[in-house]
Amino acid sequence: MGPSGSGKTTLINALAGLTHPAEGVVEICGQPLSGVPEDTAAAVRLASIGMVFQFGELMPELSILENVALPAMFSGRGGARARAEELLSLVGLAGYGHRPPEELSGGEAQRAAIARALVCGPRLVLADEPTGALDENNAQRVTEVLLDACRQGGAALVVATHDTAVARAMDRTLILKSGRLQAAPATASPGELR
């Protein structure tokens, strides 16, 4: 957690190897993401990292099923469509696969984005403000789905958020202040989590 401009998105992008730190090394599952050619970093991302963005970022020209299956298809894994259907069911979107993204509500689009993030069986899921554009009820549902899906898939989860309800649902909360991560007090009030 942290206020706007504190570096939450920068941290998520660095963990994903999308931006490179000024110093130090980013490694995922023992494989470097910084200081390597972009195609190497992209291969590590595809194999080990799932990403959930604030607005879902679904491709409008593809069906929901195609959006979810796409990373697995790029990775060359067999059974991409079947795995996508399984994950859509897991996130409560069974039967939605044929629909275009514009037919989904904000909460449904985020749940589809969660399914897409999990389709390759990542070891790490990075979520940048995954509930930022949702109402309170949808935010709670998306948070529950994200946590449950990551636990079932055995993936670690890092969430950047300003939403105290999301932070309280996590196993551990850190606050980003002045470029440093600090543990949140165990008895933190909502104001202290910002």
C-alpha atoms as a PDB file:
ATOM      1  CA  MET A   1       0.000   0.000   0.000  1.00  0.00           C
ATOM      2  CA  GLY A   2       0.946   3.581  -0.379  1.00  0.00           C
ATOM      3  CA  PRO A   3      -0.385   6.919  -1.562  1.00  0.00           C
ATOM      4  CA  SER A   4      -0.610   7.787  -5.242  1.00  0.00           C
ATOM      5  CA  GLY A   5       2.859   8.431  -6.598  1.00  0.00           C
ATOM      6  CA  SER A   6       4.597   6.350  -3.922  1.00  0.00           C
ATOM      7  CA  GLY A   7       5.902   3.845  -6.464  1.00  0.00           C
ATOM      8  CA  LYS A   8       3.456   0.922  -6.192  1.00  0.00           C
ATOM      9  CA  THR A   9       3.102   0.503  -9.958  1.00  0.00           C
ATOM     10  CA  THR A  10       6.839   0.996 -10.458  1.00  0.00           C
ATOM     11  CA  LEU A  11       7.499  -1.777  -7.947  1.00  0.00           C
ATOM     12  CA  ILE A  12       5.037  -4.144  -9.699  1.00  0.00           C
ATOM     13  CA  ASN A  13       6.628  -3.324 -13.077  1.00  0.00           C
ATOM     14  CA  ALA A  14      10.115  -3.972 -11.678  1.00  0.00           C
ATOM     15  CA  LEU A  15       8.993  -7.303 -10.202  1.00  0.00           C
ATOM     16  CA  ALA A  16       7.627  -8.220 -13.642  1.00  0.00           C
ATOM     17  CA  GLY A  17      10.818  -7.191 -15.406  1.00  0.00           C
ATOM     18  CA  LEU A  18       8.968  -4.500 -17.350  1.00  0.00           C
ATOM     19  CA  THR A  19      11.210  -1.805 -15.897  1.00  0.00           C
ATOM     20  CA  HIS A  20      14.724  -2.311 -14.595  1.00  0.00           C
ATOM     21  CA  PRO A  21      15.957  -1.210 -11.187  1.00  0.00           C
ATOM     22  CA  ALA A  22      18.724   1.388 -10.992  1.00  0.00           C
ATOM     23  CA  GLU A  23      20.639  -1.056  -8.823  1.00  0.00           C
ATOM     24  CA  GLY A  24      20.207  -4.619  -7.652  1.00  0.00           C
ATOM     25  CA  VAL A  25      18.768  -7.629  -9.451  1.00  0.00           C
ATOM     26  CA  VAL A  26      15.253  -8.941  -9.923  1.00  0.00           C
ATOM     27  CA  GLU A  27      14.989 -12.727 -10.061  1.00  0.00           C
ATOM     28  CA  ILE A  28      11.902 -14.893 -10.342  1.00  0.00           C
ATOM     29  CA  CYS A  29      12.302 -18.579  -9.456  1.00  0.00           C
ATOM     30  CA  GLY A  30      16.073 -18.182  -9.725  1.00  0.00           C
ATOM     31  CA  GLN A  31      15.939 -16.657 -13.212  1.00  0.00           C
ATOM     32  CA  PRO A  32      17.059 -13.049 -13.693  1.00  0.00           C
ATOM     33  CA  LEU A  33      14.616 -10.530 -15.124  1.00  0.00           C
ATOM     34  CA  SER A  34      16.922  -7.539 -15.018  1.00  0.00           C
ATOM     35  CA  GLY A  35      20.075  -7.224 -17.066  1.00  0.00           C
ATOM     36  CA  VAL A  36      18.956  -9.844 -19.605  1.00  0.00           C
ATOM     37  CA  PRO A  37      17.713  -9.456 -23.196  1.00  0.00           C
ATOM     38  CA  GLU A  38      14.017  -8.600 -23.459  1.00  0.00           C
ATOM     39  CA  ASP A  39      13.157 -11.906 -25.154  1.00  0.00           C
ATOM     40  CA  THR A  40      14.691 -13.768 -22.192  1.00  0.00           C
ATOM     41  CA  ALA A  41      12.725 -11.653 -19.698  1.00  0.00           C
ATOM     42  CA  ALA A  42       9.548 -12.190 -21.734  1.00  0.00           C
ATOM     43  CA  ALA A  43      10.052 -15.961 -21.652  1.00  0.00           C
ATOM     44  CA  VAL A  44      10.495 -15.884 -17.864  1.00  0.00           C
ATOM     45  CA  ARG A  45       7.360 -13.727 -17.509  1.00  0.00           C
ATOM     46  CA  LEU A  46       5.325 -16.087 -19.667  1.00  0.00           C
ATOM     47  CA  ALA A  47       6.493 -19.176 -17.776  1.00  0.00           C
ATOM     48  CA  SER A  48       6.443 -17.840 -14.215  1.00  0.00           C
ATOM     49  CA  ILE A  49       4.377 -14.651 -13.826  1.00  0.00           C
ATOM     50  CA  GLY A  50       0.695 -13.854 -14.191  1.00  0.00           C
ATOM     51  CA  MET A  51      -0.380 -10.201 -14.309  1.00  0.00           C
ATOM     52  CA  VAL A  52      -3.687  -8.582 -13.361  1.00  0.00           C
ATOM     53  CA  PHE A  53      -4.064  -4.912 -14.275  1.00  0.00           C
ATOM     54  CA  GLN A  54      -6.454  -2.317 -12.865  1.00  0.00           C
ATOM     55  CA  PHE A  55      -8.795  -2.336 -15.851  1.00  0.00           C
ATOM     56  CA  GLY A  56      -8.431  -5.984 -16.878  1.00  0.00           C
ATOM     57  CA  GLU A  57      -6.816  -5.076 -20.203  1.00  0.00           C
ATOM     58  CA  LEU A  58      -8.777  -7.681 -22.183  1.00  0.00           C
ATOM     59  CA  MET A  59      -8.347  -7.598 -25.960  1.00  0.00           C
ATOM     60  CA  PRO A  60     -11.676  -6.419 -27.456  1.00  0.00           C
ATOM     61  CA  GLU A  61     -11.277  -8.349 -30.716  1.00  0.00           C
ATOM     62  CA  LEU A  62     -11.056 -11.694 -28.880  1.00  0.00           C
ATOM     63  CA  SER A  63     -13.723 -13.626 -27.008  1.00  0.00           C
ATOM     64  CA  ILE A  64     -13.360 -14.042 -23.249  1.00  0.00           C
ATOM     65  CA  LEU A  65     -12.190 -17.643 -23.758  1.00  0.00           C
ATOM     66  CA  GLU A  66      -9.599 -16.531 -26.322  1.00  0.00           C
ATOM     67  CA  ASN A  67      -8.387 -13.755 -23.981  1.00  0.00           C
ATOM     68  CA  VAL A  68      -7.900 -16.227 -21.145  1.00  0.00           C
ATOM     69  CA  ALA A  69      -6.274 -18.910 -23.329  1.00  0.00           C
ATOM     70  CA  LEU A  70      -3.911 -16.527 -25.159  1.00  0.00           C
ATOM     71  CA  PRO A  71      -0.882 -16.717 -22.816  1.00  0.00           C
ATOM     72  CA  ALA A  72      -1.038 -20.529 -22.782  1.00  0.00           C
ATOM     73  CA  MET A  73      -1.284 -20.567 -26.575  1.00  0.00           C
ATOM     74  CA  PHE A  74       1.804 -18.314 -26.805  1.00  0.00           C
ATOM     75  CA  SER A  75       3.683 -20.619 -24.454  1.00  0.00           C
ATOM     76  CA  GLY A  76       2.944 -23.590 -26.720  1.00  0.00           C
ATOM     77  CA  ARG A  77       1.154 -25.514 -23.987  1.00  0.00           C
ATOM     78  CA  GLY A  78      -1.400 -28.023 -25.133  1.00  0.00           C
ATOM     79  CA  GLY A  79      -4.946 -27.841 -23.839  1.00  0.00           C
ATOM     80  CA  ALA A  80      -5.013 -24.038 -23.617  1.00  0.00           C
ATOM     81  CA  ARG A  81      -8.742 -23.769 -24.359  1.00  0.00           C
ATOM     82  CA  ALA A  82      -9.661 -26.506 -21.890  1.00  0.00           C
ATOM     83  CA  ARG A  83      -7.534 -24.864 -19.174  1.00  0.00           C
ATOM     84  CA  ALA A  84      -9.128 -21.489 -19.962  1.00  0.00           C
ATOM     85  CA  GLU A  85     -12.615 -22.992 -19.613  1.00  0.00           C
ATOM     86  CA  GLU A  86     -11.620 -24.575 -16.297  1.00  0.00           C
ATOM     87  CA  LEU A  87     -10.336 -21.243 -14.976  1.00  0.00           C
ATOM     88  CA  LEU A  88     -13.400 -19.341 -16.190  1.00  0.00           C
ATOM     89  CA  SER A  89     -15.479 -21.772 -14.171  1.00  0.00           C
ATOM     90  CA  LEU A  90     -13.193 -21.300 -11.159  1.00  0.00           C
ATOM     91  CA  VAL A  91     -13.706 -17.516 -11.226  1.00  0.00           C
ATOM     92  CA  GLY A  92     -17.482 -17.821 -11.659  1.00  0.00           C
ATOM     93  CA  LEU A  93     -17.652 -17.183 -15.408  1.00  0.00           C
ATOM     94  CA  ALA A  94     -18.603 -20.625 -16.735  1.00  0.00           C
ATOM     95  CA  GLY A  95     -20.533 -20.143 -19.977  1.00  0.00           C
ATOM     96  CA  TYR A  96     -19.105 -16.654 -20.621  1.00  0.00           C
ATOM     97  CA  GLY A  97     -16.289 -17.787 -22.922  1.00  0.00           C
ATOM     98  CA  HIS A  98     -18.050 -16.942 -26.183  1.00  0.00           C
ATOM     99  CA  ARG A  99     -18.849 -13.365 -25.149  1.00  0.00           C
ATOM    100  CA  PRO A 100     -16.829 -10.323 -26.196  1.00  0.00           C
ATOM    101  CA  PRO A 101     -15.226  -8.301 -23.374  1.00  0.00           C
ATOM    102  CA  GLU A 102     -17.575  -5.329 -23.820  1.00  0.00           C
ATOM    103  CA  GLU A 103     -20.474  -7.485 -22.604  1.00  0.00           C
ATOM    104  CA  LEU A 104     -18.874  -7.979 -19.187  1.00  0.00           C
ATOM    105  CA  SER A 105     -19.302  -5.814 -16.113  1.00  0.00           C
ATOM    106  CA  GLY A 106     -16.163  -4.392 -14.494  1.00  0.00           C
ATOM    107  CA  GLY A 107     -16.113  -7.168 -11.896  1.00  0.00           C
ATOM    108  CA  GLU A 108     -16.611  -9.869 -14.519  1.00  0.00           C
ATOM    109  CA  ALA A 109     -13.804  -8.424 -16.650  1.00  0.00           C
ATOM    110  CA  GLN A 110     -11.457  -8.475 -13.652  1.00  0.00           C
ATOM    111  CA  ARG A 111     -12.370 -12.090 -12.906  1.00  0.00           C
ATOM    112  CA  ALA A 112     -11.603 -12.957 -16.558  1.00  0.00           C
ATOM    113  CA  ALA A 113      -8.258 -11.146 -16.168  1.00  0.00           C
ATOM    114  CA  ILE A 114      -7.521 -13.259 -13.079  1.00  0.00           C
ATOM    115  CA  ALA A 115      -8.257 -16.418 -15.072  1.00  0.00           C
ATOM    116  CA  ARG A 116      -5.904 -15.191 -17.818  1.00  0.00           C
ATOM    117  CA  ALA A 117      -3.176 -14.492 -15.239  1.00  0.00           C
ATOM    118  CA  LEU A 118      -3.415 -18.076 -13.966  1.00  0.00           C
ATOM    119  CA  VAL A 119      -3.683 -19.951 -17.262  1.00  0.00           C
ATOM    120  CA  CYS A 120       0.033 -20.815 -17.510  1.00  0.00           C
ATOM    121  CA  GLY A 121       0.252 -21.958 -13.887  1.00  0.00           C
ATOM    122  CA  PRO A 122       2.465 -19.078 -12.716  1.00  0.00           C
ATOM    123  CA  ARG A 123       4.554 -19.206  -9.564  1.00  0.00           C
ATOM    124  CA  LEU A 124       3.867 -15.491  -8.996  1.00  0.00           C
ATOM    125  CA  VAL A 125       0.810 -13.339  -9.674  1.00  0.00           C
ATOM    126  CA  LEU A 126       1.287  -9.567  -9.709  1.00  0.00           C
ATOM    127  CA  ALA A 127      -1.855  -7.438  -9.386  1.00  0.00           C
ATOM    128  CA  ASP A 128      -1.697  -3.667  -9.844  1.00  0.00           C
ATOM    129  CA  GLU A 129      -4.771  -2.009  -8.287  1.00  0.00           C
ATOM    130  CA  PRO A 130      -7.007  -4.930  -9.341  1.00  0.00           C
ATOM    131  CA  THR A 131     -10.053  -3.446  -7.601  1.00  0.00           C
ATOM    132  CA  GLY A 132      -9.353   0.233  -8.243  1.00  0.00           C
ATOM    133  CA  ALA A 133     -12.138   0.659 -10.818  1.00  0.00           C
ATOM    134  CA  LEU A 134     -14.750  -1.470  -9.014  1.00  0.00           C
ATOM    135  CA  ASP A 135     -17.558  -0.782  -6.568  1.00  0.00           C
ATOM    136  CA  GLU A 136     -17.260  -2.178  -3.037  1.00  0.00           C
ATOM    137  CA  ASN A 137     -19.204  -5.409  -3.683  1.00  0.00           C
ATOM    138  CA  ASN A 138     -17.318  -6.247  -6.890  1.00  0.00           C
ATOM    139  CA  ALA A 139     -14.018  -5.327  -5.227  1.00  0.00           C
ATOM    140  CA  GLN A 140     -14.706  -7.804  -2.434  1.00  0.00           C
ATOM    141  CA  ARG A 141     -15.704 -10.547  -4.901  1.00  0.00           C
ATOM    142  CA  VAL A 142     -12.622  -9.971  -7.090  1.00  0.00           C
ATOM    143  CA  THR A 143     -10.342  -9.986  -4.030  1.00  0.00           C
ATOM    144  CA  GLU A 144     -11.822 -13.277  -2.822  1.00  0.00           C
ATOM    145  CA  VAL A 145     -11.529 -14.854  -6.280  1.00  0.00           C
ATOM    146  CA  LEU A 146      -7.930 -13.659  -6.668  1.00  0.00           C
ATOM    147  CA  LEU A 147      -6.866 -15.009  -3.277  1.00  0.00           C
ATOM    148  CA  ASP A 148      -8.705 -18.327  -3.687  1.00  0.00           C
ATOM    149  CA  ALA A 149      -7.416 -18.896  -7.215  1.00  0.00           C
ATOM    150  CA  CYS A 150      -3.806 -18.168  -6.235  1.00  0.00           C
ATOM    151  CA  ARG A 151      -4.039 -20.457  -3.205  1.00  0.00           C
ATOM    152  CA  GLN A 152      -5.525 -23.262  -5.293  1.00  0.00           C
ATOM    153  CA  GLY A 153      -2.864 -22.788  -7.961  1.00  0.00           C
ATOM    154  CA  GLY A 154      -0.014 -22.536  -5.452  1.00  0.00           C
ATOM    155  CA  ALA A 155       1.003 -19.085  -6.699  1.00  0.00           C
ATOM    156  CA  ALA A 156       2.486 -16.313  -4.591  1.00  0.00           C
ATOM    157  CA  LEU A 157       0.503 -13.077  -4.867  1.00  0.00           C
ATOM    158  CA  VAL A 158       1.738  -9.479  -4.727  1.00  0.00           C
ATOM    159  CA  VAL A 159      -0.983  -6.819  -4.845  1.00  0.00           C
ATOM    160  CA  ALA A 160      -0.421  -3.070  -5.113  1.00  0.00           C
ATOM    161  CA  THR A 161      -3.495  -1.298  -3.779  1.00  0.00           C
ATOM    162  CA  HIS A 162      -4.817   1.770  -2.058  1.00  0.00           C
ATOM    163  CA  ASP A 163      -7.923  -0.134  -0.882  1.00  0.00           C
ATOM    164  CA  THR A 164      -7.693  -0.911   2.847  1.00  0.00           C
ATOM    165  CA  ALA A 165     -10.257  -3.728   2.545  1.00  0.00           C
ATOM    166  CA  VAL A 166      -8.037  -5.448  -0.037  1.00  0.00           C
ATOM    167  CA  ALA A 167      -4.969  -4.930   2.165  1.00  0.00           C
ATOM    168  CA  ARG A 168      -6.725  -6.428   5.177  1.00  0.00           C
ATOM    169  CA  ALA A 169      -7.586  -9.567   3.158  1.00  0.00           C
ATOM    170  CA  MET A 170      -3.899 -10.261   2.458  1.00  0.00           C
ATOM    171  CA  ASP A 171      -1.639 -12.403   4.629  1.00  0.00           C
ATOM    172  CA  ARG A 172       0.868  -9.565   4.966  1.00  0.00           C
ATOM    173  CA  THR A 173       0.677  -5.841   4.324  1.00  0.00           C
ATOM    174  CA  LEU A 174       3.616  -3.565   3.552  1.00  0.00           C
ATOM    175  CA  ILE A 175       3.491   0.192   3.186  1.00  0.00           C
ATOM    176  CA  LEU A 176       5.591   1.981   0.578  1.00  0.00           C
ATOM    177  CA  LYS A 177       6.839   5.299   1.978  1.00  0.00           C
ATOM    178  CA  SER A 178       9.721   7.400   0.726  1.00  0.00           C
ATOM    179  CA  GLY A 179      10.870   4.583  -1.536  1.00  0.00           C
ATOM    180  CA  ARG A 180      11.051   2.030   1.287  1.00  0.00           C
ATOM    181  CA  LEU A 181       8.792  -0.878   2.164  1.00  0.00           C
ATOM    182  CA  GLN A 182       7.738  -0.967   5.817  1.00  0.00           C
ATOM    183  CA  ALA A 183       5.638  -3.518   7.666  1.00  0.00           C
ATOM    184  CA  ALA A 184       2.178  -2.242   8.497  1.00  0.00           C
ATOM    185  CA  PRO A 185       1.463  -2.119  12.229  1.00  0.00           C
ATOM    186  CA  ALA A 186      -0.518  -5.212  13.324  1.00  0.00           C
ATOM    187  CA  THR A 187      -3.252  -2.965  14.691  1.00  0.00           C
ATOM    188  CA  ALA A 188      -3.166  -0.459  11.814  1.00  0.00           C
ATOM    189  CA  SER A 189      -6.207   1.700  11.228  1.00  0.00           C
ATOM    190  CA  PRO A 190      -7.349   2.314   7.639  1.00  0.00           C
ATOM    191  CA  GLY A 191      -5.576   5.690   7.668  1.00  0.00           C
ATOM    192  CA  GLU A 192      -2.283   4.087   8.691  1.00  0.00           C
ATOM    193  CA  LEU A 193      -2.481   1.695   5.741  1.00  0.00           C
ATOM    194  CA  ARG A 194      -2.316   4.554   3.267  1.00  0.00           C
END
